[in-house]
Amino acid sequence: MIWLHNAASQAVCSALTWTSSAAGNPLSDYWRRNTDAQLNPFRGLYQLNTFDFAIMLPYFFVMSILAMYGIHRYALVYNYYKNRKRVAGPPPQITQWPRVTVQLPIYNERYVIERLVEAIAAFDYPRELLDIQVLDDSTDETQEVARNCVERYQGLGLPISYIHRDNREGFKAGALQEGLTTALGEFVAVFDADFIPPADFLRRTVPYFADTKLAMAQTRWSYINRNYSALTEVEAILLDGHFVIEHSSRFRTGLFFNFNGTAGIWRRAAIEDAGGWQHDTLTEDTDLSYRAQLRGWHFVYLPEIECPSELPVEMNAFKSQQARWAKGLMQTARKILPRVMRANVPGSVKAEAFFHLTANISYPLMVFMSIILLPAMIVRFYQGWFQVLVIDLPLFLASTCSISSFYLAAERALYPKTWKRTFLYLPFVMAVGIGLSVRNALAVIEAIVGVKSEFVRTPKYSVQAGAHGDGVWAKKKYHKSAGWMPFAEVLLGLYFAAAVVYALQNENYATVPFLLLFVWGYLYTGLMSLAQTYLERLRFGVESGEVRPASTGAPGF
C-alpha cells in the first residue's frame, strides 16, 4: 500500500511538474514545489545536524513559553465573557460620610499641577470631611507653582496643605507613606499629576466601603489626548486591554488584581495592616495590593467610573514608562510570588498571580527570538512547509493572535459602535509592542539580577487631543534622553529588513507580513526616539530636562 501511495504521488507530482514547466512562470514554480511537498509531506523529512539542532531547540523553547502566555491571554478573555454578570453593582446608601484624605504626589510637574488641584477643588464632597495633601518632591520651579496654587485655594477655604521633602527617599512610595503620618482621613484617595478626576469621584466610590473587608476601589482610566497622535491611540488601546479585560476578568473571577497607583481609594487601616507603602520595587502599588489581599482584604473594580488622564506624547517618555512597569512587576514577582505560593489561597489565585507578575519575561524572550529568527527561518525553510504548518503555526497563533483578540475584545466592550476601527490600529499595536521589547527586556533582566534604579516619573505636558495645551510640548522641559537604546532598535529593524529580502528571494512569502511587523516596530520606536531627542532639540533649542543614566529610564498598560 505504501508503494502504491508513493507511486501515485510521484505520478501526480510529475504531471503537475510538466504543467508548471509548460506555464513557465515563478508562481507556477512556487506552486509546484509546495504541492510536491504537500502530496508527499514525509518524502524528505529533514535530518537535524548539530548546528540546526542548536538553533531549533531554543527557538521552540522560546516559542512554547510565549505561546503559554498567549494562551493565558485567551483565558482572560474567556473569563471576562464567562463572568460578565459578576459586577460590583450599586453601593449601599450612606447616611454619614467619612473623612477622606486626598494625596497628590508630584515631582517636577509644573505644567499639570494647577489642573490637578483645580479638579480636586471641584469635588462635591463635604469640605469639612476633606483633607488634601500636595506631596511635592520637586527640585525645580514646580515648588513655587505648587505652593502658590495651594495658598490660593487655601484662601478660598479648601482644606489643602503643601508638604515638600528635601530628599526623594522612597520616591513616590516614600512620599505617600510620609503623608500618612499627618493624614486625617479614614480613607485615602491617590491621584497622579496627570489625572483629572470627576467631581463625583468620592461620592461614587466611598459608599462601597460599607463592606468592612473592602481595602481598595480602583476606577478605570480614560484619556484626554487619546486622538492626539497615532502613538497615543496605540497607548490607549494597550491600556484599555489592561483595564477592560485584565482587571475585569480577575475581579469577576475572584482572583487577585492590583491598584494602579492612581485613580483609586484605599481604606487606611488596610494600608497599615499590609505593612504600608514600601519602596523596594518600582511598582509599589502592585506590591501593596498583593500584600493586602494576602492579608484577607478585598478589592473592588469599578470600570463604569472613568478618571481622565494624559498619555505620554513623547516616544522616549512612553518607553521609559513601560520599562519602569516591566521592571517593577518583575521585582514584585521576586518579592511576592514566594509568599503567594505559600499562602492558603486557591490554586487559581496562585496561577493567575504567576502569569500576572511574570508576564514581562516575554520581552527578553522576544529579543532573543528576534536574534535567532533569521537562522531559524532558514532552517525551517529547508525542512519544508508541512512541518511549519503542523508545529510552528499553532505556536504562532497562540503567542501572537491572542494579542489581537485581547485588544479587540476590550475595544468592543468600550466602543460597541466604533470598535471595528481598532483593526486599523492592530498592526501599530503589535509593531509598537515589538519595538518596546529591547528597552523592556533590559529592564526585566535588571530586575531578575537585582539591579536597582530610581523611580523617575513620566513627563506630562498638559497636552490634549487636537491641541497643544499651553504650548508646543517639544518646547517644554522634561524631555527624556534617548541614550544608546534607539540605535540598537534601528539595527534590529535593519536586520529584519534583511530577513524580508531573504524571504522574498526564497519565495517564503507567508513569513513576510510577520517579518515586516518586526521591521516596522523596531524602526518606528528607534527612529522616533532619535528624532524626538535630536531633531526637536535642534529645532527648538530645548535641552533634555531629565537625563537618567539608568537603562530603564523613567519610573507605570
Protein backbone atom coordinates (compact mmCIF):
# COMPACT_ATOMS: atom_id res chain seq x y z
CA MET A 1 0.00 0.00 0.00
CA ILE A 2 2.86 2.38 0.83
CA TRP A 3 4.43 1.59 -2.54
CA LEU A 4 1.15 2.33 -4.32
CA HIS A 5 0.74 5.59 -2.43
CA ASN A 6 4.26 6.72 -3.32
CA ALA A 7 3.79 5.70 -6.93
CA ALA A 8 0.53 7.62 -7.14
CA SER A 9 2.10 10.66 -5.51
CA GLN A 10 5.02 10.60 -7.91
CA ALA A 11 2.69 10.30 -10.89
CA VAL A 12 0.61 13.27 -9.81
CA CYS A 13 3.73 15.29 -8.99
CA SER A 14 5.19 14.50 -12.43
CA ALA A 15 2.02 15.69 -14.09
CA LEU A 16 1.99 18.90 -12.07
CA THR A 17 5.69 19.43 -12.79
CA TRP A 18 5.05 19.13 -16.54
CA THR A 19 2.13 21.53 -16.31
CA SER A 20 4.14 24.06 -14.30
CA SER A 21 7.07 23.86 -16.69
CA ALA A 22 4.73 24.46 -19.55
CA ALA A 23 3.38 27.55 -17.85
CA GLY A 24 6.92 28.76 -17.18
CA ASN A 25 6.29 31.46 -14.57
CA PRO A 26 7.50 31.99 -10.96
CA LEU A 27 4.09 31.48 -9.38
CA SER A 28 3.60 28.11 -11.03
CA ASP A 29 7.11 27.08 -9.96
CA TYR A 30 6.29 28.11 -6.39
CA TRP A 31 3.03 26.13 -6.57
CA ARG A 32 4.83 23.07 -7.95
CA ARG A 33 7.40 22.94 -5.18
CA ASN A 34 4.84 23.34 -2.40
CA THR A 35 2.26 20.93 -3.82
CA ASP A 36 5.00 18.37 -4.36
CA ALA A 37 5.74 18.51 -0.64
CA GLN A 38 2.06 18.51 0.17
CA LEU A 39 1.28 15.35 -1.78
CA ASN A 40 4.09 13.55 -0.03
CA PRO A 41 4.95 15.60 3.06
CA PHE A 42 7.12 12.92 4.62
CA ARG A 43 9.14 12.33 1.43
CA GLY A 44 12.20 14.19 2.66
CA LEU A 45 11.82 14.61 6.39
CA TYR A 46 14.67 16.79 7.49
CA GLN A 47 17.56 15.29 9.44
CA LEU A 48 18.78 17.77 12.03
CA ASN A 49 22.51 18.40 12.19
CA THR A 50 24.30 19.84 15.22
CA PHE A 51 24.06 23.48 14.12
CA ASP A 52 20.40 23.27 13.22
CA PHE A 53 19.63 21.50 16.48
CA ALA A 54 21.38 24.31 18.39
CA ILE A 55 19.16 26.83 16.60
CA MET A 56 15.84 24.99 16.70
CA LEU A 57 15.96 23.86 20.34
CA PRO A 58 16.00 27.40 21.82
CA TYR A 59 13.63 28.57 19.06
CA PHE A 60 10.92 26.08 20.05
CA PHE A 61 11.63 26.64 23.74
CA VAL A 62 11.02 30.39 23.41
CA MET A 63 8.01 29.91 21.14
CA SER A 64 6.47 27.48 23.63
CA ILE A 65 6.82 29.90 26.54
CA LEU A 66 5.40 32.78 24.50
CA ALA A 67 2.53 30.51 23.46
CA MET A 68 1.86 29.71 27.12
CA TYR A 69 1.44 33.40 27.93
CA GLY A 70 -0.65 33.79 24.79
CA ILE A 71 -2.99 31.05 25.96
CA HIS A 72 -3.24 32.92 29.26
CA ARG A 73 -4.49 35.98 27.34
CA TYR A 74 -7.15 33.80 25.73
CA ALA A 75 -8.12 32.61 29.22
CA LEU A 76 -8.50 36.20 30.42
CA VAL A 77 -10.83 36.99 27.53
CA TYR A 78 -12.79 33.79 28.17
CA ASN A 79 -13.23 34.58 31.88
CA TYR A 80 -14.19 38.15 31.04
CA TYR A 81 -17.15 36.97 28.97
CA LYS A 82 -17.97 33.95 31.10
CA ASN A 83 -18.37 36.06 34.25
CA ARG A 84 -19.85 39.14 32.60
CA LYS A 85 -22.72 39.30 35.13
CA ARG A 86 -20.42 39.33 38.17
CA VAL A 87 -20.09 43.09 38.56
CA ALA A 88 -19.88 45.26 41.65
CA GLY A 89 -23.45 46.57 41.41
CA PRO A 90 -24.74 49.72 43.10
CA PRO A 91 -23.30 50.56 46.53
CA PRO A 92 -25.42 50.89 49.68
CA GLN A 93 -26.76 54.27 50.76
CA ILE A 94 -24.52 56.32 53.04
CA THR A 95 -26.04 58.33 55.91
CA GLN A 96 -22.79 59.58 57.45
CA TRP A 97 -19.88 60.34 55.14
CA PRO A 98 -16.37 59.57 56.45
CA ARG A 99 -13.33 61.84 56.33
CA VAL A 100 -11.16 61.30 53.25
CA THR A 101 -7.54 62.27 52.65
CA VAL A 102 -6.66 63.01 49.02
CA GLN A 103 -2.95 62.57 48.31
CA LEU A 104 -1.42 64.23 45.23
CA PRO A 105 2.19 63.01 44.85
CA ILE A 106 4.12 65.18 42.37
CA TYR A 107 7.69 65.57 41.17
CA ASN A 108 8.60 68.36 38.73
CA GLU A 109 5.05 68.70 37.36
CA ARG A 110 4.87 72.44 36.63
CA TYR A 111 2.61 72.01 33.59
CA VAL A 112 -0.18 69.97 35.19
CA ILE A 113 -0.24 70.58 38.95
CA GLU A 114 -2.68 73.51 38.76
CA ARG A 115 -5.03 71.49 36.57
CA LEU A 116 -4.98 68.65 39.10
CA VAL A 117 -5.66 70.86 42.13
CA GLU A 118 -8.48 72.59 40.25
CA ALA A 119 -10.13 69.19 39.63
CA ILE A 120 -9.80 68.19 43.29
CA ALA A 121 -11.21 71.55 44.41
CA ALA A 122 -14.32 70.78 42.37
CA PHE A 123 -15.12 67.60 44.35
CA ASP A 124 -18.74 67.64 45.51
CA TYR A 125 -17.76 66.06 48.83
CA PRO A 126 -18.34 67.89 52.15
CA ARG A 127 -15.32 70.19 52.53
CA GLU A 128 -15.19 69.70 56.27
CA LEU A 129 -14.56 66.00 55.60
CA LEU A 130 -11.75 66.57 53.08
CA ASP A 131 -8.02 66.56 53.79
CA ILE A 132 -5.99 67.31 50.65
CA GLN A 133 -2.21 66.84 50.59
CA VAL A 134 0.09 68.05 47.80
CA LEU A 135 3.14 65.82 48.34
CA ASP A 136 5.83 67.65 46.43
CA ASP A 137 9.31 66.18 45.90
CA SER A 138 10.11 68.67 43.14
CA THR A 139 13.55 70.13 42.58
CA ASP A 140 12.62 72.83 40.06
CA GLU A 141 10.20 75.76 39.75
CA THR A 142 7.30 73.36 40.32
CA GLN A 143 7.81 74.08 44.02
CA GLU A 144 6.83 77.71 43.57
CA VAL A 145 3.96 76.92 41.20
CA ALA A 146 2.53 74.27 43.52
CA ARG A 147 2.98 76.33 46.70
CA ASN A 148 1.27 79.37 45.16
CA CYS A 149 -1.54 77.18 43.88
CA VAL A 150 -2.09 75.65 47.32
CA GLU A 151 -2.05 79.05 49.02
CA ARG A 152 -4.58 80.38 46.53
CA TYR A 153 -7.03 77.57 47.21
CA GLN A 154 -6.41 77.77 50.96
CA GLY A 155 -7.61 81.36 50.70
CA LEU A 156 -10.80 80.08 49.07
CA GLY A 157 -11.45 77.79 52.03
CA LEU A 158 -10.24 74.50 50.56
CA PRO A 159 -8.68 72.18 53.22
CA ILE A 160 -5.42 71.68 51.34
CA SER A 161 -1.82 71.55 52.57
CA TYR A 162 1.57 71.65 50.86
CA ILE A 163 4.20 69.16 52.00
CA HIS A 164 7.66 69.38 50.46
CA ARG A 165 10.52 66.93 51.04
CA ASP A 166 14.13 67.93 50.53
CA ASN A 167 15.01 64.39 49.50
CA ARG A 168 13.30 61.72 47.41
CA GLU A 169 13.80 58.87 49.82
CA GLY A 170 11.48 56.09 48.75
CA PHE A 171 10.35 58.16 45.76
CA LYS A 172 6.56 58.11 45.31
CA ALA A 173 6.08 55.34 47.91
CA GLY A 174 8.13 57.35 50.40
CA ALA A 175 6.08 60.48 49.77
CA LEU A 176 2.79 58.62 50.23
CA GLN A 177 3.99 56.95 53.42
CA GLU A 178 5.22 60.22 54.90
CA GLY A 179 1.92 61.86 54.01
CA LEU A 180 0.09 59.23 56.04
CA THR A 181 1.83 60.41 59.21
CA THR A 182 -0.21 63.64 59.14
CA ALA A 183 -3.25 62.40 57.18
CA LEU A 184 -6.61 62.88 58.88
CA GLY A 185 -8.78 60.65 56.72
CA GLU A 186 -10.13 57.18 57.36
CA PHE A 187 -9.82 56.63 53.62
CA VAL A 188 -7.06 57.75 51.25
CA ALA A 189 -7.56 58.60 47.57
CA VAL A 190 -4.47 58.91 45.35
CA PHE A 191 -4.15 60.83 42.06
CA ASP A 192 -1.06 61.29 39.94
CA ALA A 193 -0.34 64.72 38.48
CA ASP A 194 -1.69 63.97 35.00
CA PHE A 195 -5.17 62.94 36.19
CA ILE A 196 -8.39 64.96 36.19
CA PRO A 197 -10.81 63.07 38.46
CA PRO A 198 -14.53 63.80 38.06
CA ALA A 199 -16.27 65.92 40.69
CA ASP A 200 -18.38 62.99 41.94
CA PHE A 201 -15.43 60.59 42.32
CA LEU A 202 -15.61 60.29 46.11
CA ARG A 203 -19.41 60.18 46.27
CA ARG A 204 -19.42 57.24 43.85
CA THR A 205 -16.57 55.25 45.42
CA VAL A 206 -16.75 55.81 49.18
CA PRO A 207 -20.15 54.04 49.66
CA TYR A 208 -18.61 50.71 48.60
CA PHE A 209 -16.53 50.75 51.78
CA ALA A 210 -19.63 49.89 53.79
CA ASP A 211 -18.10 46.43 53.30
CA THR A 212 -15.71 46.40 56.24
CA LYS A 213 -13.33 43.97 54.49
CA LEU A 214 -13.00 46.18 51.40
CA ALA A 215 -9.50 47.64 51.19
CA MET A 216 -9.37 49.35 47.80
CA ALA A 217 -11.59 50.56 44.96
CA GLN A 218 -9.94 51.06 41.56
CA THR A 219 -11.58 53.06 38.75
CA ARG A 220 -10.89 52.94 35.02
CA TRP A 221 -8.53 55.33 33.29
CA SER A 222 -9.66 57.29 30.25
CA TYR A 223 -7.53 59.68 28.17
CA ILE A 224 -7.96 63.34 27.30
CA ASN A 225 -5.42 63.12 24.46
CA ARG A 226 -6.29 59.70 23.03
CA ASN A 227 -6.70 61.13 19.50
CA TYR A 228 -3.64 63.37 19.67
CA SER A 229 -1.44 61.09 17.54
CA ALA A 230 -1.04 57.51 16.32
CA LEU A 231 1.22 56.88 19.31
CA THR A 232 -1.38 57.99 21.85
CA GLU A 233 -4.02 55.87 20.08
CA VAL A 234 -1.79 52.82 20.47
CA GLU A 235 -1.09 53.66 24.11
CA ALA A 236 -4.82 53.96 24.80
CA ILE A 237 -5.53 50.57 23.20
CA LEU A 238 -2.76 48.94 25.23
CA LEU A 239 -4.12 50.39 28.48
CA ASP A 240 -7.73 49.56 27.54
CA GLY A 241 -6.73 45.92 27.32
CA HIS A 242 -5.40 46.10 30.88
CA PHE A 243 -8.34 47.99 32.40
CA VAL A 244 -11.17 46.34 30.48
CA ILE A 245 -10.06 42.71 30.12
CA GLU A 246 -7.38 42.05 32.75
CA HIS A 247 -8.90 43.92 35.69
CA SER A 248 -12.47 42.88 34.91
CA SER A 249 -11.55 39.25 34.31
CA ARG A 250 -9.59 38.96 37.55
CA PHE A 251 -12.16 40.81 39.65
CA ARG A 252 -15.12 38.88 38.23
CA THR A 253 -13.36 35.54 38.69
CA GLY A 254 -12.39 36.24 42.29
CA LEU A 255 -8.65 36.50 41.61
CA PHE A 256 -6.10 38.98 42.90
CA PHE A 257 -5.73 42.22 40.95
CA ASN A 258 -3.79 45.39 41.60
CA PHE A 259 -4.18 49.05 42.42
CA ASN A 260 -2.76 51.11 39.55
CA GLY A 261 -1.08 53.76 41.68
CA THR A 262 -3.70 56.41 40.93
CA ALA A 263 -7.44 56.95 40.40
CA GLY A 264 -8.27 54.72 43.34
CA ILE A 265 -9.14 54.93 47.02
CA TRP A 266 -7.85 52.88 49.95
CA ARG A 267 -9.02 52.11 53.45
CA ARG A 268 -6.19 53.50 55.56
CA ALA A 269 -6.40 50.59 58.02
CA ALA A 270 -5.75 48.16 55.15
CA ILE A 271 -2.61 50.03 54.09
CA GLU A 272 -1.27 49.91 57.62
CA ASP A 273 -2.28 46.29 58.15
CA ALA A 274 -0.45 45.24 54.98
CA GLY A 275 2.78 46.94 56.04
CA GLY A 276 2.37 50.38 54.48
CA TRP A 277 3.91 51.78 51.32
CA GLN A 278 7.28 50.12 50.61
CA HIS A 279 9.81 51.30 48.04
CA ASP A 280 11.91 48.21 47.33
CA THR A 281 10.16 47.83 43.94
CA LEU A 282 9.29 50.33 41.20
CA THR A 283 5.63 49.25 41.32
CA GLU A 284 4.80 49.99 44.92
CA ASP A 285 1.10 49.91 44.01
CA THR A 286 1.15 46.26 42.88
CA ASP A 287 3.36 45.30 45.80
CA LEU A 288 0.94 46.77 48.37
CA SER A 289 -2.03 45.28 46.50
CA TYR A 290 -0.76 41.73 46.81
CA ARG A 291 0.31 42.17 50.43
CA ALA A 292 -3.15 43.47 51.34
CA GLN A 293 -5.00 40.69 49.54
CA LEU A 294 -2.78 38.08 51.15
CA ARG A 295 -3.92 39.54 54.47
CA GLY A 296 -7.51 38.78 53.52
CA TRP A 297 -8.62 42.20 52.33
CA HIS A 298 -10.93 42.53 49.31
CA PHE A 299 -10.70 44.82 46.28
CA VAL A 300 -13.44 46.14 44.00
CA TYR A 301 -13.06 47.26 40.39
CA LEU A 302 -15.42 49.99 39.13
CA PRO A 303 -14.94 50.33 35.35
CA GLU A 304 -18.06 52.45 34.98
CA ILE A 305 -16.28 55.28 36.83
CA GLU A 306 -13.87 56.94 34.40
CA CYS A 307 -10.93 59.01 35.55
CA PRO A 308 -9.44 61.07 32.69
CA SER A 309 -5.66 61.23 32.38
CA GLU A 310 -2.95 62.33 29.97
CA LEU A 311 -0.98 59.87 27.86
CA PRO A 312 2.73 60.41 27.08
CA VAL A 313 3.11 62.13 23.70
CA GLU A 314 6.85 61.54 23.52
CA MET A 315 8.23 58.15 22.47
CA ASN A 316 11.12 58.22 24.94
CA ALA A 317 8.77 59.03 27.83
CA PHE A 318 6.41 56.22 26.79
CA LYS A 319 9.25 53.71 26.50
CA SER A 320 10.72 54.62 29.86
CA GLN A 321 7.28 54.41 31.49
CA GLN A 322 6.74 50.93 30.08
CA ALA A 323 10.23 49.86 31.16
CA ARG A 324 9.52 51.02 34.70
CA TRP A 325 6.34 48.98 34.83
CA ALA A 326 8.09 45.94 33.35
CA LYS A 327 10.95 46.14 35.84
CA GLY A 328 8.67 46.87 38.77
CA LEU A 329 6.40 43.91 38.10
CA MET A 330 9.35 41.56 37.88
CA GLN A 331 10.74 42.99 41.13
CA THR A 332 7.34 42.42 42.72
CA ALA A 333 7.32 38.87 41.37
CA ARG A 334 10.64 38.16 43.09
CA LYS A 335 9.36 39.64 46.32
CA ILE A 336 5.73 38.49 46.41
CA LEU A 337 5.39 35.25 44.45
CA PRO A 338 7.05 33.06 47.11
CA ARG A 339 4.53 34.40 49.64
CA VAL A 340 1.63 33.77 47.27
CA MET A 341 2.75 30.20 46.62
CA ARG A 342 2.98 29.51 50.35
CA ALA A 343 -0.31 31.24 51.16
CA ASN A 344 -3.56 29.44 51.90
CA VAL A 345 -5.29 30.66 48.74
CA PRO A 346 -6.86 28.71 45.84
CA GLY A 347 -4.65 27.30 43.12
CA SER A 348 -6.35 29.53 40.55
CA VAL A 349 -5.22 32.60 42.52
CA LYS A 350 -1.65 31.34 42.60
CA ALA A 351 -1.65 30.55 38.88
CA GLU A 352 -3.03 33.96 37.95
CA ALA A 353 -0.55 35.72 40.21
CA PHE A 354 2.28 33.86 38.48
CA PHE A 355 1.13 34.81 34.97
CA HIS A 356 0.35 38.38 36.00
CA LEU A 357 3.63 39.17 37.73
CA THR A 358 5.93 37.29 35.34
CA ALA A 359 4.26 38.29 32.06
CA ASN A 360 7.07 40.70 31.16
CA ILE A 361 9.54 37.82 30.86
CA SER A 362 8.20 37.71 27.31
CA TYR A 363 10.28 40.79 26.43
CA PRO A 364 13.77 39.27 26.80
CA LEU A 365 12.41 36.13 25.15
CA MET A 366 11.13 38.20 22.25
CA VAL A 367 14.51 39.89 21.81
CA PHE A 368 16.25 36.52 21.87
CA MET A 369 13.80 35.16 19.32
CA SER A 370 14.39 38.25 17.18
CA ILE A 371 18.10 37.46 17.06
CA ILE A 372 17.71 33.79 16.15
CA LEU A 373 14.65 34.19 13.92
CA LEU A 374 16.55 34.58 10.65
CA PRO A 375 18.72 31.42 11.06
CA ALA A 376 15.67 29.57 12.39
CA MET A 377 13.69 30.66 9.35
CA ILE A 378 16.44 29.39 7.05
CA VAL A 379 16.49 26.01 8.81
CA ARG A 380 12.69 25.74 8.75
CA PHE A 381 12.65 26.67 5.07
CA TYR A 382 14.81 23.67 4.21
CA GLN A 383 12.77 21.40 6.44
CA GLY A 384 9.64 22.00 4.37
CA TRP A 385 6.41 23.90 4.93
CA PHE A 386 4.39 20.88 6.14
CA GLN A 387 6.27 20.76 9.43
CA VAL A 388 5.98 24.54 9.73
CA LEU A 389 2.22 24.22 9.29
CA VAL A 390 1.88 21.48 11.90
CA ILE A 391 4.33 22.79 14.51
CA ASP A 392 5.10 26.49 14.03
CA LEU A 393 1.63 27.71 13.08
CA PRO A 394 -0.15 26.60 16.29
CA LEU A 395 2.61 28.15 18.41
CA PHE A 396 2.41 31.34 16.37
CA LEU A 397 -1.38 31.53 16.70
CA ALA A 398 -1.19 31.00 20.46
CA SER A 399 1.57 33.55 21.08
CA THR A 400 0.64 36.26 18.56
CA CYS A 401 -3.00 36.11 17.53
CA SER A 402 -4.11 36.12 21.18
CA ILE A 403 -2.92 39.75 21.25
CA SER A 404 -5.45 40.69 18.56
CA SER A 405 -8.37 39.01 20.29
CA PHE A 406 -7.37 40.54 23.62
CA TYR A 407 -7.40 44.15 22.45
CA LEU A 408 -10.33 43.75 20.07
CA ALA A 409 -12.44 42.41 22.94
CA ALA A 410 -11.51 45.44 25.06
CA GLU A 411 -12.35 47.99 22.37
CA ARG A 412 -15.60 46.22 21.51
CA ALA A 413 -16.68 46.45 25.14
CA LEU A 414 -15.85 50.16 25.38
CA TYR A 415 -16.93 51.32 21.94
CA PRO A 416 -19.59 48.94 20.58
CA LYS A 417 -20.39 51.26 17.64
CA THR A 418 -16.88 52.12 16.50
CA TRP A 419 -14.71 49.25 17.77
CA LYS A 420 -14.05 47.90 14.26
CA ARG A 421 -11.71 50.81 13.57
CA THR A 422 -9.36 49.05 16.00
CA PHE A 423 -8.49 46.64 13.17
CA LEU A 424 -6.65 49.54 11.53
CA TYR A 425 -4.53 50.06 14.64
CA LEU A 426 -3.72 46.41 15.37
CA PRO A 427 -0.58 46.39 13.18
CA PHE A 428 0.57 49.53 15.04
CA VAL A 429 -0.18 47.90 18.40
CA MET A 430 1.76 44.75 17.54
CA ALA A 431 4.63 46.70 16.00
CA VAL A 432 4.97 49.03 19.00
CA GLY A 433 4.87 46.03 21.33
CA ILE A 434 7.76 44.53 19.40
CA GLY A 435 9.61 47.85 19.37
CA LEU A 436 9.37 48.14 23.16
CA SER A 437 10.96 44.74 23.66
CA VAL A 438 14.60 45.90 23.72
CA ARG A 439 14.11 48.53 26.43
CA ASN A 440 11.75 46.37 28.46
CA ALA A 441 13.95 43.28 28.13
CA LEU A 442 16.89 45.07 29.73
CA ALA A 443 14.59 46.34 32.49
CA VAL A 444 13.34 42.80 33.22
CA ILE A 445 16.87 41.38 33.27
CA GLU A 446 17.92 44.11 35.71
CA ALA A 447 15.03 43.16 37.97
CA ILE A 448 15.94 39.47 37.83
CA VAL A 449 19.59 40.05 38.75
CA GLY A 450 18.73 42.66 41.38
CA VAL A 451 19.98 45.87 39.75
CA LYS A 452 18.34 48.88 41.41
CA SER A 453 17.30 52.09 39.66
CA GLU A 454 15.46 55.16 40.83
CA PHE A 455 11.81 55.95 40.26
CA VAL A 456 11.73 58.62 37.55
CA ARG A 457 8.30 59.95 36.75
CA THR A 458 6.88 60.19 33.23
CA PRO A 459 6.90 63.79 31.92
CA LYS A 460 3.49 65.43 31.38
CA TYR A 461 2.97 68.48 29.21
CA SER A 462 -0.73 69.34 29.62
CA VAL A 463 -1.45 68.11 26.10
CA GLN A 464 -5.00 67.39 24.96
CA ALA A 465 -6.48 65.88 21.81
CA GLY A 466 -6.41 68.26 18.87
CA ALA A 467 -4.45 70.88 20.81
CA HIS A 468 -1.04 71.56 22.25
CA GLY A 469 -2.04 72.50 25.76
CA ASP A 470 -0.41 75.75 26.82
CA GLY A 471 2.27 75.49 24.16
CA VAL A 472 4.03 73.10 21.82
CA TRP A 473 5.16 70.21 24.01
CA ALA A 474 8.52 69.95 22.25
CA LYS A 475 9.45 73.41 23.58
CA LYS A 476 8.87 72.36 27.18
CA LYS A 477 11.25 70.87 29.72
CA TYR A 478 11.44 67.29 30.93
CA HIS A 479 12.37 65.66 27.61
CA LYS A 480 13.70 62.15 28.03
CA SER A 481 17.18 61.28 26.82
CA ALA A 482 17.29 58.64 24.07
CA GLY A 483 20.59 57.04 25.12
CA TRP A 484 22.02 54.15 23.12
CA MET A 485 18.87 52.02 23.06
CA PRO A 486 17.30 53.51 19.88
CA PHE A 487 20.44 52.66 17.90
CA ALA A 488 20.06 49.01 18.91
CA GLU A 489 16.40 49.14 17.85
CA VAL A 490 17.31 50.60 14.46
CA LEU A 491 19.94 47.88 13.94
CA LEU A 492 17.36 45.21 14.73
CA GLY A 493 14.98 46.84 12.26
CA LEU A 494 17.64 46.67 9.53
CA TYR A 495 18.38 43.07 10.49
CA PHE A 496 14.74 42.16 9.91
CA ALA A 497 14.69 44.10 6.68
CA ALA A 498 17.46 41.74 5.51
CA ALA A 499 15.28 38.84 6.66
CA VAL A 500 12.44 40.16 4.50
CA VAL A 501 14.76 40.28 1.49
CA TYR A 502 15.86 36.70 2.16
CA ALA A 503 12.27 35.52 2.48
CA LEU A 504 11.30 37.15 -0.83
CA GLN A 505 14.33 35.73 -2.62
CA ASN A 506 13.42 32.24 -1.44
CA GLU A 507 9.70 32.71 -2.15
CA ASN A 508 8.86 32.25 1.53
CA TYR A 509 6.02 34.75 1.14
CA ALA A 510 3.98 33.61 4.13
CA THR A 511 6.58 34.93 6.59
CA VAL A 512 6.90 38.38 5.02
CA PRO A 513 3.95 40.11 6.80
CA PHE A 514 5.17 38.78 10.15
CA LEU A 515 8.73 39.94 9.48
CA LEU A 516 7.52 43.36 8.37
CA LEU A 517 5.97 43.86 11.82
CA PHE A 518 9.45 43.48 13.31
CA VAL A 519 10.92 45.89 10.74
CA TRP A 520 8.18 48.41 11.40
CA GLY A 521 8.24 48.05 15.17
CA TYR A 522 11.98 48.40 15.70
CA LEU A 523 12.50 51.16 13.13
CA TYR A 524 9.45 53.12 14.32
CA THR A 525 10.39 53.15 18.00
CA GLY A 526 14.10 53.65 17.33
CA LEU A 527 13.84 56.40 14.73
CA MET A 528 11.06 58.23 16.57
CA SER A 529 13.11 58.21 19.76
CA LEU A 530 16.10 59.66 17.94
CA ALA A 531 14.01 62.21 16.08
CA GLN A 532 12.26 63.48 19.19
CA THR A 533 15.56 63.70 21.04
CA TYR A 534 17.84 65.30 18.48
CA LEU A 535 15.73 66.86 15.73
CA GLU A 536 13.34 68.60 18.12
CA ARG A 537 16.29 69.78 20.19
CA LEU A 538 17.86 71.30 17.09
CA ARG A 539 14.55 72.77 16.01
CA PHE A 540 13.51 74.36 19.29
CA GLY A 541 16.78 74.51 21.20
CA VAL A 542 15.32 72.54 24.11
CA GLU A 543 17.70 70.70 26.40
CA SER A 544 16.76 67.42 28.00
CA GLY A 545 15.49 68.24 31.45
CA GLU A 546 15.84 64.77 32.96
CA VAL A 547 18.72 62.72 31.65
CA ARG A 548 18.87 59.48 33.61
CA PRO A 549 21.75 57.00 33.42
CA ALA A 550 19.56 54.07 34.39
CA SER A 551 18.71 51.95 31.36
CA THR A 552 15.11 51.67 32.49
CA GLY A 553 14.78 55.42 32.32
CA ALA A 554 11.66 56.57 33.98
CA PRO A 555 9.94 55.35 36.83
CA GLY A 556 3.75 52.58 35.16
CA PHE A 557 -0.55 49.08 30.18
